[in-house]
């Protein structure tokens, strides 16, 4: 696996993205969603990616964490060129290094909340009961420990989202990638989730990327990237005044 540096990347970068282009085919038409994005995500920071719907936010973070291939460009996550890996190597890399919080919670309907939250640990080989107990600790922190034995269909949307958040954090990944993690939550629950994300996902050797429209939490960001029409138009510590 190639861990050499690429142009202009800091060796300690959590993510180094260079020249990221993504095209989608629509009939006979090619639509360019990302236009050659260069950016670094630093460890020890909570980075927000914001912008209007259709600006390319979810596409960008999907490419950054190995879910969606770029049409052009290169991505390294903690020094590893993820698109040089074989399919099985990439699956293992994601399992051991990345936690995902999706807009669609993607819970397994036939197993309870604790088992859903424990899935990454079980996939890594941990015994089921040990994995469930570790997952329950996070469910308690998210104030839904009393729902651990409930199936997803028995949970509210906000409760399902918190199970998905616990699943993303339970294996203590180096990179946590979140798509609208507070969208279904009230203000207090949203703050609790953000506090937990900072506690678990932000450290000198870890990083957290959050796609959000939620202006209630903009003040919690260490860094904000603004995307417009597939390009980064702002990169700073505060939201620009015109947004």
C-alpha atoms as a PDB file:
ATOM      1  CA  UNK A   1       0.000   0.000   0.000  1.00  0.00           C
ATOM      2  CA  UNK A   2       1.372   3.377  -1.027  1.00  0.00           C
ATOM      3  CA  UNK A   3       1.895   5.815   1.840  1.00  0.00           C
ATOM      4  CA  UNK A   4       4.189   8.294   0.116  1.00  0.00           C
ATOM      5  CA  UNK A   5       3.304  11.968   0.063  1.00  0.00           C
ATOM      6  CA  UNK A   6       1.506  13.697  -2.808  1.00  0.00           C
ATOM      7  CA  UNK A   7       2.039  17.234  -3.954  1.00  0.00           C
ATOM      8  CA  UNK A   8       1.689  19.840  -1.242  1.00  0.00           C
ATOM      9  CA  UNK A   9       0.337  17.467   1.408  1.00  0.00           C
ATOM     10  CA  UNK A  10       1.377  17.873   5.001  1.00  0.00           C
ATOM     11  CA  UNK A  11       2.642  14.457   6.166  1.00  0.00           C
ATOM     12  CA  UNK A  12       0.441  14.635   9.263  1.00  0.00           C
ATOM     13  CA  UNK A  13      -2.786  15.432   7.341  1.00  0.00           C
ATOM     14  CA  UNK A  14      -5.786  13.283   8.197  1.00  0.00           C
ATOM     15  CA  UNK A  15      -7.031  13.679   4.618  1.00  0.00           C
ATOM     16  CA  UNK A  16      -5.151  15.105   1.656  1.00  0.00           C
ATOM     17  CA  UNK A  17      -7.306  15.593  -1.453  1.00  0.00           C
ATOM     18  CA  UNK A  18      -5.783  16.880  -4.682  1.00  0.00           C
ATOM     19  CA  UNK A  19      -7.494  17.643  -7.987  1.00  0.00           C
ATOM     20  CA  UNK A  20     -10.760  15.954  -7.056  1.00  0.00           C
ATOM     21  CA  UNK A  21     -13.129  15.842 -10.012  1.00  0.00           C
ATOM     22  CA  UNK A  22     -16.359  13.872 -10.101  1.00  0.00           C
ATOM     23  CA  UNK A  23     -18.570  13.466 -13.152  1.00  0.00           C
ATOM     24  CA  UNK A  24     -21.950  11.762 -13.360  1.00  0.00           C
ATOM     25  CA  UNK A  25     -23.571  10.537 -16.546  1.00  0.00           C
ATOM     26  CA  UNK A  26     -27.172  11.557 -17.217  1.00  0.00           C
ATOM     27  CA  UNK A  27     -28.311  10.019 -20.490  1.00  0.00           C
ATOM     28  CA  UNK A  28     -26.011  11.467 -23.140  1.00  0.00           C
ATOM     29  CA  UNK A  29     -24.896  14.290 -20.842  1.00  0.00           C
ATOM     30  CA  UNK A  30     -21.917  14.406 -18.477  1.00  0.00           C
ATOM     31  CA  UNK A  31     -22.512  16.498 -15.382  1.00  0.00           C
ATOM     32  CA  UNK A  32     -19.450  17.687 -13.465  1.00  0.00           C
ATOM     33  CA  UNK A  33     -20.284  17.867  -9.755  1.00  0.00           C
ATOM     34  CA  UNK A  34     -16.798  18.560  -8.356  1.00  0.00           C
ATOM     35  CA  UNK A  35     -14.293  20.778 -10.166  1.00  0.00           C
ATOM     36  CA  UNK A  36     -10.740  19.915  -9.151  1.00  0.00           C
ATOM     37  CA  UNK A  37     -10.927  20.383  -5.373  1.00  0.00           C
ATOM     38  CA  UNK A  38      -7.719  20.627  -3.336  1.00  0.00           C
ATOM     39  CA  UNK A  39      -8.061  20.507   0.446  1.00  0.00           C
ATOM     40  CA  UNK A  40      -6.483  19.054   3.558  1.00  0.00           C
ATOM     41  CA  UNK A  41      -8.351  17.908   6.646  1.00  0.00           C
ATOM     42  CA  UNK A  42      -6.260  18.265   9.774  1.00  0.00           C
ATOM     43  CA  UNK A  43      -6.252  15.940  12.764  1.00  0.00           C
ATOM     44  CA  UNK A  44      -7.476  17.510  15.976  1.00  0.00           C
ATOM     45  CA  UNK A  45     -10.156  19.509  14.171  1.00  0.00           C
ATOM     46  CA  UNK A  46     -13.889  19.318  13.616  1.00  0.00           C
ATOM     47  CA  UNK A  47     -14.353  20.449  10.014  1.00  0.00           C
ATOM     48  CA  UNK A  48     -17.758  21.416   8.631  1.00  0.00           C
ATOM     49  CA  UNK A  49     -18.614  21.201   4.939  1.00  0.00           C
ATOM     50  CA  UNK A  50     -21.522  23.501   4.145  1.00  0.00           C
ATOM     51  CA  UNK A  51     -23.309  24.801   1.071  1.00  0.00           C
ATOM     52  CA  UNK A  52     -26.587  24.735  -0.788  1.00  0.00           C
ATOM     53  CA  UNK A  53     -28.196  21.467  -1.843  1.00  0.00           C
ATOM     54  CA  UNK A  54     -26.479  20.226  -4.994  1.00  0.00           C
ATOM     55  CA  UNK A  55     -23.179  21.974  -4.251  1.00  0.00           C
ATOM     56  CA  UNK A  56     -21.312  18.657  -4.025  1.00  0.00           C
ATOM     57  CA  UNK A  57     -20.926  18.250  -0.240  1.00  0.00           C
ATOM     58  CA  UNK A  58     -22.012  14.619   0.086  1.00  0.00           C
ATOM     59  CA  UNK A  59     -20.135  13.683  -3.098  1.00  0.00           C
ATOM     60  CA  UNK A  60     -16.946  15.213  -1.694  1.00  0.00           C
ATOM     61  CA  UNK A  61     -17.068  13.459   1.668  1.00  0.00           C
ATOM     62  CA  UNK A  62     -18.008  10.168  -0.026  1.00  0.00           C
ATOM     63  CA  UNK A  63     -14.849  10.423  -2.131  1.00  0.00           C
ATOM     64  CA  UNK A  64     -12.774  11.421   0.890  1.00  0.00           C
ATOM     65  CA  UNK A  65     -13.672   8.238   2.744  1.00  0.00           C
ATOM     66  CA  UNK A  66     -13.594   5.667  -0.047  1.00  0.00           C
ATOM     67  CA  UNK A  67     -17.290   5.206  -0.788  1.00  0.00           C
ATOM     68  CA  UNK A  68     -17.341   6.929  -4.180  1.00  0.00           C
ATOM     69  CA  UNK A  69     -14.492   6.918  -6.687  1.00  0.00           C
ATOM     70  CA  UNK A  70     -13.293  10.246  -8.115  1.00  0.00           C
ATOM     71  CA  UNK A  71     -13.271  10.735 -11.872  1.00  0.00           C
ATOM     72  CA  UNK A  72      -9.889  12.406 -11.441  1.00  0.00           C
ATOM     73  CA  UNK A  73      -7.665  13.183  -8.481  1.00  0.00           C
ATOM     74  CA  UNK A  74      -6.034  11.574  -5.495  1.00  0.00           C
ATOM     75  CA  UNK A  75      -7.051  11.076  -1.862  1.00  0.00           C
ATOM     76  CA  UNK A  76      -4.866   9.988   1.019  1.00  0.00           C
ATOM     77  CA  UNK A  77      -6.305   9.197   4.432  1.00  0.00           C
ATOM     78  CA  UNK A  78      -3.656   9.273   7.158  1.00  0.00           C
ATOM     79  CA  UNK A  79      -1.040   8.770   4.450  1.00  0.00           C
ATOM     80  CA  UNK A  80      -2.701   5.887   2.597  1.00  0.00           C
ATOM     81  CA  UNK A  81      -3.684   6.309  -1.043  1.00  0.00           C
ATOM     82  CA  UNK A  82      -7.113   4.742  -0.610  1.00  0.00           C
ATOM     83  CA  UNK A  83      -7.850   4.435  -4.321  1.00  0.00           C
ATOM     84  CA  UNK A  84      -4.730   2.339  -4.886  1.00  0.00           C
ATOM     85  CA  UNK A  85      -6.121  -0.348  -2.556  1.00  0.00           C
ATOM     86  CA  UNK A  86      -7.880  -3.480  -3.731  1.00  0.00           C
ATOM     87  CA  UNK A  87     -11.599  -3.750  -2.925  1.00  0.00           C
ATOM     88  CA  UNK A  88     -10.939  -6.003   0.073  1.00  0.00           C
ATOM     89  CA  UNK A  89      -8.105  -3.775   1.336  1.00  0.00           C
ATOM     90  CA  UNK A  90     -10.347  -0.722   1.070  1.00  0.00           C
ATOM     91  CA  UNK A  91     -13.136  -2.458   3.011  1.00  0.00           C
ATOM     92  CA  UNK A  92     -10.681  -3.381   5.760  1.00  0.00           C
ATOM     93  CA  UNK A  93      -9.180   0.107   5.794  1.00  0.00           C
ATOM     94  CA  UNK A  94     -12.597   1.702   6.233  1.00  0.00           C
ATOM     95  CA  UNK A  95     -13.566  -0.800   8.922  1.00  0.00           C
ATOM     96  CA  UNK A  96     -10.479  -0.062  10.987  1.00  0.00           C
ATOM     97  CA  UNK A  97     -10.084   3.671  10.381  1.00  0.00           C
ATOM     98  CA  UNK A  98     -13.374   5.348   9.433  1.00  0.00           C
ATOM     99  CA  UNK A  99     -16.748   5.762  11.115  1.00  0.00           C
ATOM    100  CA  UNK A 100     -19.749   6.866   9.039  1.00  0.00           C
ATOM    101  CA  UNK A 101     -22.933   8.632  10.069  1.00  0.00           C
ATOM    102  CA  UNK A 102     -25.265   8.593   7.069  1.00  0.00           C
ATOM    103  CA  UNK A 103     -28.356  10.722   6.429  1.00  0.00           C
ATOM    104  CA  UNK A 104     -30.186   7.450   5.880  1.00  0.00           C
ATOM    105  CA  UNK A 105     -29.400   5.625   9.090  1.00  0.00           C
ATOM    106  CA  UNK A 106     -28.965   2.206   7.390  1.00  0.00           C
ATOM    107  CA  UNK A 107     -29.784   0.229  10.527  1.00  0.00           C
ATOM    108  CA  UNK A 108     -30.306  -3.527  10.225  1.00  0.00           C
ATOM    109  CA  UNK A 109     -34.056  -3.996  10.833  1.00  0.00           C
ATOM    110  CA  UNK A 110     -33.858  -7.498  12.311  1.00  0.00           C
ATOM    111  CA  UNK A 111     -31.473  -6.759  15.217  1.00  0.00           C
ATOM    112  CA  UNK A 112     -31.836  -4.494  18.241  1.00  0.00           C
ATOM    113  CA  UNK A 113     -30.247  -1.104  18.867  1.00  0.00           C
ATOM    114  CA  UNK A 114     -27.279  -2.443  20.848  1.00  0.00           C
ATOM    115  CA  UNK A 115     -26.427  -4.996  18.169  1.00  0.00           C
ATOM    116  CA  UNK A 116     -26.740  -2.352  15.444  1.00  0.00           C
ATOM    117  CA  UNK A 117     -24.379  -0.056  17.321  1.00  0.00           C
ATOM    118  CA  UNK A 118     -21.952  -2.951  17.861  1.00  0.00           C
ATOM    119  CA  UNK A 119     -21.700  -3.977  14.178  1.00  0.00           C
ATOM    120  CA  UNK A 120     -18.174  -2.553  13.562  1.00  0.00           C
ATOM    121  CA  UNK A 121     -16.802  -4.326  16.634  1.00  0.00           C
ATOM    122  CA  UNK A 122     -18.398  -7.626  15.635  1.00  0.00           C
ATOM    123  CA  UNK A 123     -16.979  -7.198  12.115  1.00  0.00           C
ATOM    124  CA  UNK A 124     -13.543  -6.734  13.687  1.00  0.00           C
ATOM    125  CA  UNK A 125     -13.941 -10.058  15.503  1.00  0.00           C
ATOM    126  CA  UNK A 126     -15.059  -9.035  18.988  1.00  0.00           C
ATOM    127  CA  UNK A 127     -17.401 -11.426  20.815  1.00  0.00           C
ATOM    128  CA  UNK A 128     -21.024 -10.357  20.427  1.00  0.00           C
ATOM    129  CA  UNK A 129     -21.804  -9.854  24.121  1.00  0.00           C
ATOM    130  CA  UNK A 130     -18.620  -7.854  24.718  1.00  0.00           C
ATOM    131  CA  UNK A 131     -19.394  -5.730  21.653  1.00  0.00           C
ATOM    132  CA  UNK A 132     -22.976  -5.139  22.849  1.00  0.00           C
ATOM    133  CA  UNK A 133     -21.776  -3.993  26.271  1.00  0.00           C
ATOM    134  CA  UNK A 134     -19.334  -1.534  24.727  1.00  0.00           C
ATOM    135  CA  UNK A 135     -22.075  -0.246  22.429  1.00  0.00           C
ATOM    136  CA  UNK A 136     -24.437   0.226  25.378  1.00  0.00           C
ATOM    137  CA  UNK A 137     -21.941   2.617  26.988  1.00  0.00           C
ATOM    138  CA  UNK A 138     -22.270   4.932  23.980  1.00  0.00           C
ATOM    139  CA  UNK A 139     -26.051   4.518  23.844  1.00  0.00           C
ATOM    140  CA  UNK A 140     -26.143   5.648  27.482  1.00  0.00           C
ATOM    141  CA  UNK A 141     -24.048   8.714  26.632  1.00  0.00           C
ATOM    142  CA  UNK A 142     -26.524   9.508  23.867  1.00  0.00           C
ATOM    143  CA  UNK A 143     -29.387   9.189  26.365  1.00  0.00           C
ATOM    144  CA  UNK A 144     -30.976   6.122  24.749  1.00  0.00           C
ATOM    145  CA  UNK A 145     -29.501   3.351  26.850  1.00  0.00           C
ATOM    146  CA  UNK A 146     -33.028   2.315  27.817  1.00  0.00           C
ATOM    147  CA  UNK A 147     -33.734   1.570  24.132  1.00  0.00           C
ATOM    148  CA  UNK A 148     -30.853  -0.877  23.684  1.00  0.00           C
ATOM    149  CA  UNK A 149     -33.116  -3.922  23.278  1.00  0.00           C
ATOM    150  CA  UNK A 150     -35.537  -2.274  20.834  1.00  0.00           C
ATOM    151  CA  UNK A 151     -35.653  -2.991  17.109  1.00  0.00           C
ATOM    152  CA  UNK A 152     -35.187  -0.017  14.745  1.00  0.00           C
ATOM    153  CA  UNK A 153     -38.905  -0.111  13.878  1.00  0.00           C
ATOM    154  CA  UNK A 154     -39.679   0.529  17.552  1.00  0.00           C
ATOM    155  CA  UNK A 155     -37.529   3.659  17.691  1.00  0.00           C
ATOM    156  CA  UNK A 156     -38.272   7.234  16.679  1.00  0.00           C
ATOM    157  CA  UNK A 157     -36.277   8.867  13.899  1.00  0.00           C
ATOM    158  CA  UNK A 158     -34.125  10.738  16.405  1.00  0.00           C
ATOM    159  CA  UNK A 159     -33.463   7.556  18.368  1.00  0.00           C
ATOM    160  CA  UNK A 160     -32.490   5.689  15.209  1.00  0.00           C
ATOM    161  CA  UNK A 161     -30.090   8.486  14.362  1.00  0.00           C
ATOM    162  CA  UNK A 162     -28.420   8.234  17.762  1.00  0.00           C
ATOM    163  CA  UNK A 163     -27.985   4.472  17.275  1.00  0.00           C
ATOM    164  CA  UNK A 164     -26.311   5.241  13.942  1.00  0.00           C
ATOM    165  CA  UNK A 165     -24.034   7.750  15.682  1.00  0.00           C
ATOM    166  CA  UNK A 166     -23.077   5.167  18.320  1.00  0.00           C
ATOM    167  CA  UNK A 167     -22.297   2.666  15.538  1.00  0.00           C
ATOM    168  CA  UNK A 168     -19.976   5.204  13.886  1.00  0.00           C
ATOM    169  CA  UNK A 169     -18.052   5.875  17.086  1.00  0.00           C
ATOM    170  CA  UNK A 170     -17.993   2.501  18.841  1.00  0.00           C
ATOM    171  CA  UNK A 171     -14.751   1.236  17.267  1.00  0.00           C
ATOM    172  CA  UNK A 172     -12.959   4.545  17.960  1.00  0.00           C
ATOM    173  CA  UNK A 173     -12.079   5.312  14.331  1.00  0.00           C
ATOM    174  CA  UNK A 174      -9.369   7.781  13.381  1.00  0.00           C
ATOM    175  CA  UNK A 175     -11.734   9.570  10.993  1.00  0.00           C
ATOM    176  CA  UNK A 176     -15.447  10.190  11.581  1.00  0.00           C
ATOM    177  CA  UNK A 177     -17.524  11.356   8.618  1.00  0.00           C
ATOM    178  CA  UNK A 178     -21.032  12.662   9.296  1.00  0.00           C
ATOM    179  CA  UNK A 179     -23.808  13.655   6.897  1.00  0.00           C
ATOM    180  CA  UNK A 180     -26.303  15.890   8.752  1.00  0.00           C
ATOM    181  CA  UNK A 181     -25.827  14.271  12.202  1.00  0.00           C
ATOM    182  CA  UNK A 182     -28.207  16.676  13.982  1.00  0.00           C
ATOM    183  CA  UNK A 183     -30.919  16.971  11.323  1.00  0.00           C
ATOM    184  CA  UNK A 184     -33.525  14.878  13.177  1.00  0.00           C
ATOM    185  CA  UNK A 185     -32.636  16.114  16.671  1.00  0.00           C
ATOM    186  CA  UNK A 186     -33.887  18.932  18.880  1.00  0.00           C
ATOM    187  CA  UNK A 187     -31.418  21.580  20.020  1.00  0.00           C
ATOM    188  CA  UNK A 188     -30.454  19.900  23.303  1.00  0.00           C
ATOM    189  CA  UNK A 189     -30.012  16.458  21.724  1.00  0.00           C
ATOM    190  CA  UNK A 190     -28.030  18.003  18.884  1.00  0.00           C
ATOM    191  CA  UNK A 191     -25.635  19.662  21.306  1.00  0.00           C
ATOM    192  CA  UNK A 192     -25.226  16.385  23.207  1.00  0.00           C
ATOM    193  CA  UNK A 193     -24.341  14.602  19.972  1.00  0.00           C
ATOM    194  CA  UNK A 194     -21.833  17.280  19.015  1.00  0.00           C
ATOM    195  CA  UNK A 195     -20.232  17.139  22.467  1.00  0.00           C
ATOM    196  CA  UNK A 196     -19.862  13.367  22.115  1.00  0.00           C
ATOM    197  CA  UNK A 197     -18.410  13.705  18.627  1.00  0.00           C
ATOM    198  CA  UNK A 198     -15.811  16.134  19.949  1.00  0.00           C
ATOM    199  CA  UNK A 199     -15.004  13.852  22.902  1.00  0.00           C
ATOM    200  CA  UNK A 200     -14.613  10.706  20.804  1.00  0.00           C
ATOM    201  CA  UNK A 201     -13.680  11.873  17.323  1.00  0.00           C
ATOM    202  CA  UNK A 202     -11.464  14.931  17.804  1.00  0.00           C
ATOM    203  CA  UNK A 203      -7.934  14.336  19.054  1.00  0.00           C
ATOM    204  CA  UNK A 204      -4.379  14.945  17.904  1.00  0.00           C
ATOM    205  CA  UNK A 205      -4.476  11.724  15.854  1.00  0.00           C
ATOM    206  CA  UNK A 206      -8.151  11.860  14.802  1.00  0.00           C
ATOM    207  CA  UNK A 207     -10.391  14.066  12.724  1.00  0.00           C
ATOM    208  CA  UNK A 208     -14.094  14.659  12.156  1.00  0.00           C
ATOM    209  CA  UNK A 209     -15.830  15.949   9.016  1.00  0.00           C
ATOM    210  CA  UNK A 210     -19.452  17.061   9.196  1.00  0.00           C
ATOM    211  CA  UNK A 211     -21.810  18.008   6.373  1.00  0.00           C
ATOM    212  CA  UNK A 212     -24.510  20.190   7.867  1.00  0.00           C
ATOM    213  CA  UNK A 213     -27.129  22.852   7.187  1.00  0.00           C
ATOM    214  CA  UNK A 214     -27.761  23.259  10.930  1.00  0.00           C
ATOM    215  CA  UNK A 215     -26.859  26.838  11.847  1.00  0.00           C
ATOM    216  CA  UNK A 216     -27.466  25.980  15.532  1.00  0.00           C
ATOM    217  CA  UNK A 217     -24.077  24.230  15.602  1.00  0.00           C
ATOM    218  CA  UNK A 218     -21.951  26.431  13.339  1.00  0.00           C
ATOM    219  CA  UNK A 219     -20.232  27.912  16.399  1.00  0.00           C
ATOM    220  CA  UNK A 220     -18.849  24.472  17.340  1.00  0.00           C
ATOM    221  CA  UNK A 221     -16.719  24.110  14.197  1.00  0.00           C
ATOM    222  CA  UNK A 222     -12.947  24.462  14.240  1.00  0.00           C
ATOM    223  CA  UNK A 223     -12.963  24.994  10.477  1.00  0.00           C
ATOM    224  CA  UNK A 224     -15.634  25.584   7.827  1.00  0.00           C
ATOM    225  CA  UNK A 225     -15.392  24.746   4.123  1.00  0.00           C
ATOM    226  CA  UNK A 226     -18.079  26.316   1.940  1.00  0.00           C
ATOM    227  CA  UNK A 227     -18.860  24.609  -1.379  1.00  0.00           C
ATOM    228  CA  UNK A 228     -20.607  26.358  -4.249  1.00  0.00           C
ATOM    229  CA  UNK A 229     -21.194  24.558  -7.540  1.00  0.00           C
ATOM    230  CA  UNK A 230     -18.539  21.964  -6.789  1.00  0.00           C
ATOM    231  CA  UNK A 231     -15.794  24.372  -5.739  1.00  0.00           C
ATOM    232  CA  UNK A 232     -14.475  25.486  -2.345  1.00  0.00           C
ATOM    233  CA  UNK A 233     -15.276  29.203  -2.027  1.00  0.00           C
ATOM    234  CA  UNK A 234     -14.379  29.641   1.639  1.00  0.00           C
ATOM    235  CA  UNK A 235     -11.993  27.921   4.036  1.00  0.00           C
ATOM    236  CA  UNK A 236     -11.802  29.480   7.480  1.00  0.00           C
ATOM    237  CA  UNK A 237     -12.554  29.271  11.166  1.00  0.00           C
ATOM    238  CA  UNK A 238     -15.913  31.072  10.927  1.00  0.00           C
ATOM    239  CA  UNK A 239     -18.912  31.084   8.621  1.00  0.00           C
ATOM    240  CA  UNK A 240     -18.682  33.955   6.117  1.00  0.00           C
ATOM    241  CA  UNK A 241     -21.195  36.746   6.698  1.00  0.00           C
ATOM    242  CA  UNK A 242     -22.966  36.214   3.366  1.00  0.00           C
ATOM    243  CA  UNK A 243     -24.055  32.666   4.350  1.00  0.00           C
END
